[in-house]
N, C-alpha and C. Protein backbone atom coordinates (compact mmCIF):
# COMPACT_ATOMS: atom_id res chain seq x y z
N MET A 1 0.92 -1.29 -0.09
CA MET A 1 0.06 -0.06 -0.08
C MET A 1 0.86 1.28 0.01
N GLN A 2 0.59 2.29 -0.91
CA GLN A 2 1.32 3.45 -1.06
C GLN A 2 0.86 4.09 0.20
N GLU A 3 2.10 5.04 0.63
CA GLU A 3 1.85 5.98 2.02
C GLU A 3 0.68 6.68 1.84
N GLU A 4 0.42 7.44 0.78
CA GLU A 4 -0.81 8.30 0.53
C GLU A 4 -1.87 7.64 0.80
N GLU A 5 -2.21 6.44 0.30
CA GLU A 5 -3.45 5.58 0.36
C GLU A 5 -3.47 5.15 1.81
N TYR A 6 -2.56 4.96 2.55
CA TYR A 6 -2.57 4.58 4.01
C TYR A 6 -3.22 5.84 4.78
N PHE A 7 -2.62 7.14 4.55
CA PHE A 7 -3.07 8.15 5.03
C PHE A 7 -4.59 8.61 4.84
N MET A 8 -4.97 8.27 3.59
CA MET A 8 -6.32 8.52 3.16
C MET A 8 -7.36 7.54 3.84
N GLN A 9 -6.83 6.48 4.19
CA GLN A 9 -7.59 5.39 4.96
C GLN A 9 -7.88 5.75 6.45
N LEU A 10 -7.34 6.72 7.01
CA LEU A 10 -7.51 6.91 8.34
C LEU A 10 -9.11 7.55 8.58
N SER A 11 -9.52 7.12 9.80
CA SER A 11 -10.71 7.54 10.20
C SER A 11 -10.96 8.86 10.29
N GLN A 12 -12.04 9.55 10.24
CA GLN A 12 -12.34 10.93 10.33
C GLN A 12 -11.58 11.66 11.47
N PRO A 13 -11.69 10.98 12.83
CA PRO A 13 -11.00 11.63 13.97
C PRO A 13 -9.66 11.49 13.67
N GLN A 14 -8.91 10.46 13.10
CA GLN A 14 -7.41 10.29 13.05
C GLN A 14 -7.08 11.27 11.97
N ALA A 15 -7.78 11.49 10.84
CA ALA A 15 -7.36 12.30 10.10
C ALA A 15 -7.42 13.74 10.45
N ALA A 16 -8.32 14.10 11.26
CA ALA A 16 -8.41 15.37 11.81
C ALA A 16 -7.19 15.70 12.72
N ALA A 17 -6.78 14.68 13.73
CA ALA A 17 -5.69 14.74 14.55
C ALA A 17 -4.37 14.91 13.68
N LEU A 18 -4.27 14.31 12.68
CA LEU A 18 -3.00 14.37 11.79
C LEU A 18 -2.95 15.79 11.14
N THR A 19 -4.06 16.25 10.79
CA THR A 19 -4.20 17.53 10.10
C THR A 19 -3.74 18.46 11.14
N ARG A 20 -4.26 18.36 12.54
CA ARG A 20 -3.82 19.46 13.40
C ARG A 20 -2.56 19.22 13.69
N ALA A 21 -1.83 18.06 13.79
CA ALA A 21 -0.51 17.95 14.15
C ALA A 21 0.34 18.61 12.87
N LEU A 22 0.05 18.30 11.75
CA LEU A 22 0.81 18.65 10.68
C LEU A 22 0.74 20.12 10.59
N LYS A 23 -0.37 20.83 10.84
CA LYS A 23 -0.49 22.44 10.94
C LYS A 23 0.24 22.91 11.90
N VAL A 24 0.39 22.37 13.11
CA VAL A 24 1.24 23.04 14.29
C VAL A 24 2.61 22.89 13.62
N LEU A 25 3.07 21.76 13.09
CA LEU A 25 4.52 21.72 12.61
C LEU A 25 4.81 22.62 11.37
N THR A 26 3.94 22.82 10.76
CA THR A 26 4.29 24.01 9.65
C THR A 26 4.37 25.43 10.16
N HIS A 27 4.16 25.58 11.45
CA HIS A 27 4.52 26.78 12.28
C HIS A 27 5.51 26.46 13.18
N GLY A 28 6.30 25.53 13.03
CA GLY A 28 7.76 25.26 13.58
C GLY A 28 7.50 24.80 15.17
N HIS A 29 6.19 24.09 15.49
CA HIS A 29 6.21 23.75 16.84
C HIS A 29 6.22 22.12 16.85
N SER A 30 7.35 21.56 16.89
CA SER A 30 7.86 20.40 16.97
C SER A 30 7.24 19.50 17.93
N ASN A 31 7.23 19.98 19.18
CA ASN A 31 6.86 19.42 20.45
C ASN A 31 5.30 19.32 20.40
N ARG A 32 4.68 20.45 19.86
CA ARG A 32 3.19 20.31 19.94
C ARG A 32 2.76 19.28 18.85
N PHE A 33 3.62 19.27 17.85
CA PHE A 33 3.26 18.20 16.79
C PHE A 33 3.19 16.66 17.31
N GLU A 34 4.20 16.52 18.15
CA GLU A 34 4.13 15.13 18.76
C GLU A 34 3.06 15.15 19.81
N ASP A 35 2.56 16.16 20.50
CA ASP A 35 1.43 15.96 21.34
C ASP A 35 0.33 15.77 20.75
N GLU A 36 0.03 16.44 19.57
CA GLU A 36 -1.12 16.05 18.83
C GLU A 36 -1.17 14.84 18.25
N LEU A 37 0.02 14.11 17.79
CA LEU A 37 -0.20 12.76 17.38
C LEU A 37 -0.53 11.74 18.66
N TRP A 38 0.19 12.20 19.83
CA TRP A 38 -0.19 11.33 20.96
C TRP A 38 -1.69 11.47 21.30
N LEU A 39 -2.30 12.59 21.39
CA LEU A 39 -3.70 13.10 21.63
C LEU A 39 -4.40 12.16 20.50
N GLY A 40 -4.17 12.10 19.39
CA GLY A 40 -5.02 11.72 18.33
C GLY A 40 -4.93 10.21 18.17
N PHE A 41 -3.74 9.68 18.41
CA PHE A 41 -3.28 8.23 17.88
C PHE A 41 -2.92 7.48 19.30
N GLY A 42 -2.95 7.84 20.56
CA GLY A 42 -2.67 7.12 21.78
C GLY A 42 -1.18 6.31 21.48
N ASP A 43 -1.16 5.16 21.85
CA ASP A 43 0.07 4.52 21.87
C ASP A 43 0.67 4.14 20.56
N ASP A 44 -0.27 4.65 19.46
CA ASP A 44 0.37 4.35 18.13
C ASP A 44 0.88 5.57 17.44
N TRP A 45 1.09 6.62 18.30
CA TRP A 45 1.69 7.96 17.90
C TRP A 45 3.08 7.76 17.38
N TRP A 46 3.91 7.07 18.11
CA TRP A 46 5.31 6.78 17.76
C TRP A 46 5.60 6.08 16.33
N PRO A 47 4.80 4.93 16.16
CA PRO A 47 4.87 4.40 14.99
C PRO A 47 4.56 5.23 13.78
N LEU A 48 3.42 5.93 14.05
CA LEU A 48 3.04 7.04 12.94
C LEU A 48 3.99 8.15 12.70
N ARG A 49 4.76 8.60 13.90
CA ARG A 49 5.82 9.53 13.75
C ARG A 49 7.04 8.97 12.71
N GLU A 50 7.03 7.72 13.13
CA GLU A 50 8.30 7.07 12.30
C GLU A 50 7.91 6.89 10.83
N ARG A 51 6.73 6.62 10.43
CA ARG A 51 6.22 6.35 9.36
C ARG A 51 6.21 7.70 8.45
N LEU A 52 5.82 8.82 9.34
CA LEU A 52 5.96 10.07 8.70
C LEU A 52 7.53 10.49 8.20
N LEU A 53 8.27 10.03 9.10
CA LEU A 53 9.84 10.39 8.78
C LEU A 53 10.44 9.60 7.49
N LYS A 54 10.07 8.20 7.76
CA LYS A 54 10.28 7.39 6.58
C LYS A 54 9.99 7.69 5.22
N GLY A 55 8.62 8.16 5.18
CA GLY A 55 7.87 8.64 3.91
C GLY A 55 8.35 9.92 3.63
N ALA A 56 9.14 10.51 4.32
CA ALA A 56 9.67 11.71 4.03
C ALA A 56 8.59 13.07 3.92
N TYR A 57 7.48 12.76 4.78
CA TYR A 57 6.45 13.97 5.05
C TYR A 57 6.89 14.93 6.03
N VAL A 58 7.87 14.37 6.99
CA VAL A 58 8.56 15.23 7.98
C VAL A 58 10.06 14.94 7.92
N ARG A 59 10.87 15.88 8.39
CA ARG A 59 12.33 15.49 8.38
C ARG A 59 12.69 15.86 9.70
N SER A 60 13.99 15.34 10.15
CA SER A 60 14.56 15.95 11.40
C SER A 60 15.61 16.87 11.12
N LEU A 61 15.37 17.76 11.99
CA LEU A 61 16.40 18.90 11.91
C LEU A 61 17.59 18.72 12.96
N GLY A 62 17.50 17.69 13.72
CA GLY A 62 18.58 17.25 14.59
C GLY A 62 18.54 18.25 15.84
N GLY A 63 19.80 18.38 16.35
CA GLY A 63 19.91 19.29 17.53
C GLY A 63 19.63 18.52 18.81
N VAL A 64 19.82 19.04 19.90
CA VAL A 64 19.75 18.36 21.18
C VAL A 64 18.12 17.94 21.44
N ARG A 65 17.16 18.62 20.91
CA ARG A 65 15.74 18.36 20.95
C ARG A 65 14.99 17.51 19.94
N ASP A 66 15.96 17.34 18.78
CA ASP A 66 15.59 16.53 17.70
C ASP A 66 14.29 17.05 16.98
N GLU A 67 14.35 18.26 16.76
CA GLU A 67 13.42 19.12 16.11
C GLU A 67 12.90 18.52 14.96
N LEU A 68 11.67 18.65 14.42
CA LEU A 68 11.10 18.22 13.15
C LEU A 68 10.52 19.24 12.37
N THR A 69 10.56 19.01 11.07
CA THR A 69 10.01 20.20 10.28
C THR A 69 9.27 19.39 9.17
N VAL A 70 8.23 19.95 8.49
CA VAL A 70 7.42 19.31 7.42
C VAL A 70 8.14 19.64 6.13
N THR A 71 8.10 18.82 5.23
CA THR A 71 8.85 18.75 3.99
C THR A 71 7.58 19.20 3.10
N GLU A 72 7.96 19.23 1.88
CA GLU A 72 7.05 19.70 0.69
C GLU A 72 6.12 18.62 0.58
N ARG A 73 6.49 17.28 0.79
CA ARG A 73 5.56 16.31 0.59
C ARG A 73 4.52 16.05 1.81
N GLY A 74 5.18 16.50 3.08
CA GLY A 74 4.17 16.60 3.99
C GLY A 74 3.11 17.81 3.79
N GLU A 75 3.56 18.79 3.23
CA GLU A 75 2.38 20.12 2.97
C GLU A 75 1.61 19.52 2.12
N ASN A 76 1.92 18.75 0.97
CA ASN A 76 0.95 18.03 -0.13
C ASN A 76 -0.03 17.04 0.78
N LEU A 77 0.48 16.41 1.70
CA LEU A 77 -0.41 15.43 2.42
C LEU A 77 -1.34 16.25 3.24
N LEU A 78 -0.94 17.35 3.96
CA LEU A 78 -1.87 18.20 4.73
C LEU A 78 -2.75 18.62 3.87
N THR A 79 -2.56 19.19 2.61
CA THR A 79 -3.53 19.76 1.81
C THR A 79 -4.57 18.84 1.26
N GLN A 80 -4.17 17.51 0.99
CA GLN A 80 -4.98 16.31 0.77
C GLN A 80 -5.80 16.03 1.78
N LEU A 81 -5.39 16.04 3.17
CA LEU A 81 -6.17 15.83 4.53
C LEU A 81 -7.17 16.77 4.53
N GLN A 82 -6.87 18.07 4.49
CA GLN A 82 -7.74 19.12 4.63
C GLN A 82 -8.90 18.92 3.58
N GLY A 83 -8.70 18.71 2.19
CA GLY A 83 -9.51 18.36 1.20
C GLY A 83 -10.66 17.40 1.61
N LYS A 84 -10.09 16.15 2.19
CA LYS A 84 -10.99 15.16 2.75
C LYS A 84 -11.96 15.41 3.72
N GLN A 85 -11.40 16.35 4.69
CA GLN A 85 -12.09 16.70 5.77
C GLN A 85 -13.42 17.56 5.33
N ARG A 86 -13.12 18.47 4.25
CA ARG A 86 -14.11 19.46 3.67
C ARG A 86 -15.18 18.70 2.89
N ALA A 87 -14.82 17.72 2.34
CA ALA A 87 -15.54 16.65 1.57
C ALA A 87 -16.60 15.96 2.44
N ALA A 88 -16.11 15.53 3.44
CA ALA A 88 -16.60 14.83 4.73
C ALA A 88 -17.60 15.69 5.51
N GLY A 89 -17.31 16.81 5.45
CA GLY A 89 -18.07 17.63 6.25
C GLY A 89 -18.75 18.72 6.56
């Protein structure tokens, strides 16, 4: 399954949580991004974070706090998720 297909198969609450997480990350809030993933996905937040990294939707800036940032691919995913939410609702 392609990554985009995986993300498009998220439930409405999961898609909303991932949308919120990616939005805060586009504003440079790496810690809040992880908080939003945890709130939306519970114990599955870390595997999702790793999947986003592996799929190049986000990338590590490194440093002491291992800050993350959204890539162009991640911004495209955010746009797709927002479109899915508008269509659903």
